[in-house]
C-alpha atoms as a PDB file:
ATOM      1  CA  VAL A   1     155.766 110.330  49.922  1.00  0.00           C
ATOM      2  CA  ALA A   2     158.191 112.114  47.678  1.00  0.00           C
ATOM      3  CA  THR A   3     156.834 111.986  43.855  1.00  0.00           C
ATOM      4  CA  GLY A   4     158.684 112.689  40.775  1.00  0.00           C
ATOM      5  CA  ARG A   5     160.619 111.254  37.776  1.00  0.00           C
ATOM      6  CA  VAL A   6     163.837 109.004  37.876  1.00  0.00           C
ATOM      7  CA  GLU A   7     166.055 111.064  35.487  1.00  0.00           C
ATOM      8  CA  ARG A   8     168.817 108.658  35.420  1.00  0.00           C
ATOM      9  CA  GLY A   9     170.054 105.448  36.998  1.00  0.00           C
ATOM     10  CA  GLN A  10     168.107 103.287  39.336  1.00  0.00           C
ATOM     11  CA  ILE A  11     166.562 103.419  42.982  1.00  0.00           C
ATOM     12  CA  LYS A  12     166.070 100.496  45.067  1.00  0.00           C
ATOM     13  CA  VAL A  13     164.225  99.864  48.497  1.00  0.00           C
ATOM     14  CA  GLY A  14     166.941 100.129  51.243  1.00  0.00           C
ATOM     15  CA  GLU A  15     169.158 102.583  49.294  1.00  0.00           C
ATOM     16  CA  GLU A  16     170.430 105.602  51.050  1.00  0.00           C
ATOM     17  CA  VAL A  17     169.487 108.971  49.325  1.00  0.00           C
ATOM     18  CA  GLU A  18     170.235 112.731  49.885  1.00  0.00           C
ATOM     19  CA  ILE A  19     167.370 115.413  49.859  1.00  0.00           C
ATOM     20  CA  ILE A  20     169.065 118.485  48.145  1.00  0.00           C
ATOM     21  CA  GLY A  21     167.637 121.921  47.462  1.00  0.00           C
ATOM     22  CA  MET A  22     165.871 124.812  49.050  1.00  0.00           C
ATOM     23  CA  HIS A  23     168.031 124.557  52.544  1.00  0.00           C
ATOM     24  CA  GLU A  24     171.476 125.089  53.200  1.00  0.00           C
ATOM     25  CA  ASN A  25     171.975 121.613  54.669  1.00  0.00           C
ATOM     26  CA  SER A  26     170.847 118.368  52.964  1.00  0.00           C
ATOM     27  CA  CYS A  27     169.180 115.462  54.738  1.00  0.00           C
ATOM     28  CA  THR A  28     170.154 111.960  54.086  1.00  0.00           C
ATOM     29  CA  THR A  29     167.460 109.112  54.631  1.00  0.00           C
ATOM     30  CA  THR A  30     166.568 105.639  53.443  1.00  0.00           C
ATOM     31  CA  VAL A  31     164.264 104.424  50.801  1.00  0.00           C
ATOM     32  CA  THR A  32     161.508 102.199  52.308  1.00  0.00           C
ATOM     33  CA  GLY A  33     159.189 101.804  49.267  1.00  0.00           C
ATOM     34  CA  VAL A  34     158.763 102.710  45.835  1.00  0.00           C
ATOM     35  CA  LYS A  35     155.425 103.037  44.358  1.00  0.00           C
ATOM     36  CA  MET A  36     154.001 103.347  40.871  1.00  0.00           C
ATOM     37  CA  PHE A  37     150.568 103.601  39.725  1.00  0.00           C
ATOM     38  CA  ARG A  38     149.544 102.379  43.415  1.00  0.00           C
ATOM     39  CA  LYS A  39     151.696  99.368  43.277  1.00  0.00           C
ATOM     40  CA  LEU A  40     154.585  98.713  45.407  1.00  0.00           C
ATOM     41  CA  LEU A  41     157.689  97.897  43.761  1.00  0.00           C
ATOM     42  CA  TYR A  42     161.333  96.768  44.777  1.00  0.00           C
ATOM     43  CA  TYR A  43     163.124  99.337  42.273  1.00  0.00           C
ATOM     44  CA  SER A  44     162.519 101.830  39.572  1.00  0.00           C
ATOM     45  CA  GLU A  45     164.601 103.009  36.770  1.00  0.00           C
ATOM     46  CA  ALA A  46     165.152 106.015  34.661  1.00  0.00           C
ATOM     47  CA  GLY A  47     161.923 107.331  33.004  1.00  0.00           C
ATOM     48  CA  ASP A  48     159.580 106.237  35.474  1.00  0.00           C
ATOM     49  CA  ASN A  49     157.043 108.414  37.315  1.00  0.00           C
ATOM     50  CA  ILE A  50     157.115 107.270  40.903  1.00  0.00           C
ATOM     51  CA  GLY A  51     156.404 107.967  44.620  1.00  0.00           C
ATOM     52  CA  LEU A  52     159.022 107.271  47.297  1.00  0.00           C
ATOM     53  CA  LEU A  53     158.546 106.383  50.922  1.00  0.00           C
ATOM     54  CA  LEU A  54     161.346 107.820  52.988  1.00  0.00           C
ATOM     55  CA  ARG A  55     162.287 106.738  56.538  1.00  0.00           C
ATOM     56  CA  GLY A  56     161.742 109.502  59.025  1.00  0.00           C
ATOM     57  CA  VAL A  57     160.919 112.316  56.535  1.00  0.00           C
ATOM     58  CA  ALA A  58     157.534 114.043  57.123  1.00  0.00           C
ATOM     59  CA  ARG A  59     155.590 115.657  54.246  1.00  0.00           C
ATOM     60  CA  ARG A  60     156.429 119.122  55.602  1.00  0.00           C
ATOM     61  CA  ASP A  61     160.136 118.476  55.233  1.00  0.00           C
ATOM     62  CA  ILE A  62     159.963 118.056  51.585  1.00  0.00           C
ATOM     63  CA  GLN A  63     159.336 120.955  49.061  1.00  0.00           C
ATOM     64  CA  ARG A  64     158.507 121.030  45.384  1.00  0.00           C
ATOM     65  CA  GLY A  65     161.891 121.633  43.541  1.00  0.00           C
ATOM     66  CA  GLN A  66     163.908 119.498  45.652  1.00  0.00           C
ATOM     67  CA  VAL A  67     166.208 116.761  44.307  1.00  0.00           C
ATOM     68  CA  LEU A  68     166.883 113.094  45.675  1.00  0.00           C
ATOM     69  CA  CYS A  69     169.983 111.654  44.628  1.00  0.00           C
ATOM     70  CA  ALA A  70     172.785 109.297  45.841  1.00  0.00           C
ATOM     71  CA  PRO A  71     174.796 110.740  48.807  1.00  0.00           C
ATOM     72  CA  VAL A  72     177.459 113.360  47.941  1.00  0.00           C
ATOM     73  CA  SER A  73     177.013 112.860  44.304  1.00  0.00           C
ATOM     74  CA  ILE A  74     175.590 116.413  43.690  1.00  0.00           C
ATOM     75  CA  THR A  75     177.005 119.792  45.135  1.00  0.00           C
ATOM     76  CA  PRO A  76     174.245 122.261  45.428  1.00  0.00           C
ATOM     77  CA  HIS A  77     174.837 125.835  44.551  1.00  0.00           C
ATOM     78  CA  THR A  78     173.109 128.993  45.740  1.00  0.00           C
ATOM     79  CA  ASN A  79     174.788 131.550  43.192  1.00  0.00           C
ATOM     80  CA  PHE A  80     176.450 131.410  39.908  1.00  0.00           C
ATOM     81  CA  LYS A  81     177.879 133.753  37.502  1.00  0.00           C
ATOM     82  CA  GLU A  82     176.616 133.823  33.807  1.00  0.00           C
ATOM     83  CA  GLU A  83     177.227 135.568  30.599  1.00  0.00           C
ATOM     84  CA  PHE A  84     174.658 135.707  27.701  1.00  0.00           C
ATOM     85  CA  TYR A  85     174.067 137.518  24.313  1.00  0.00           C
ATOM     86  CA  LEU A  86     170.620 138.761  23.253  1.00  0.00           C
ATOM     87  CA  LEU A  87     169.796 138.544  19.686  1.00  0.00           C
ATOM     88  CA  SER A  88     168.899 141.828  17.927  1.00  0.00           C
ATOM     89  CA  LYS A  89     165.804 142.163  15.871  1.00  0.00           C
ATOM     90  CA  ASP A  90     167.930 141.679  12.577  1.00  0.00           C
ATOM     91  CA  GLU A  91     169.574 138.588  13.936  1.00  0.00           C
ATOM     92  CA  GLY A  92     166.014 137.107  14.694  1.00  0.00           C
ATOM     93  CA  GLY A  93     165.827 138.085  18.294  1.00  0.00           C
ATOM     94  CA  ARG A  94     163.129 140.009  20.155  1.00  0.00           C
ATOM     95  CA  PRO A  95     161.558 142.970  18.304  1.00  0.00           C
ATOM     96  CA  THR A  96     160.629 144.487  21.793  1.00  0.00           C
ATOM     97  CA  PRO A  97     162.934 145.011  24.818  1.00  0.00           C
ATOM     98  CA  PHE A  98     162.273 142.985  27.957  1.00  0.00           C
ATOM     99  CA  PHE A  99     161.664 146.125  30.057  1.00  0.00           C
END
């Protein structure tokens, strides 16, 4: 059972989902059940905290932090480039350094 919150859209029994994150390659599987508060449901929508029964996926195959989504809807990234500015003490930032 994979647990978490539905962030957007709906998820229904019988839909294909993709498990993304923590590994280079993703895994596609089918939702066989949706559980909420120990009740078996046909579907769930945004904002619901649910548990999903997934076909052919063992508990050891899923890790905390992974994402379930519609197949090929999200591209995972392992590195990125960023730029940020730290406010000085006079600007309302940290009075002490990070290090």
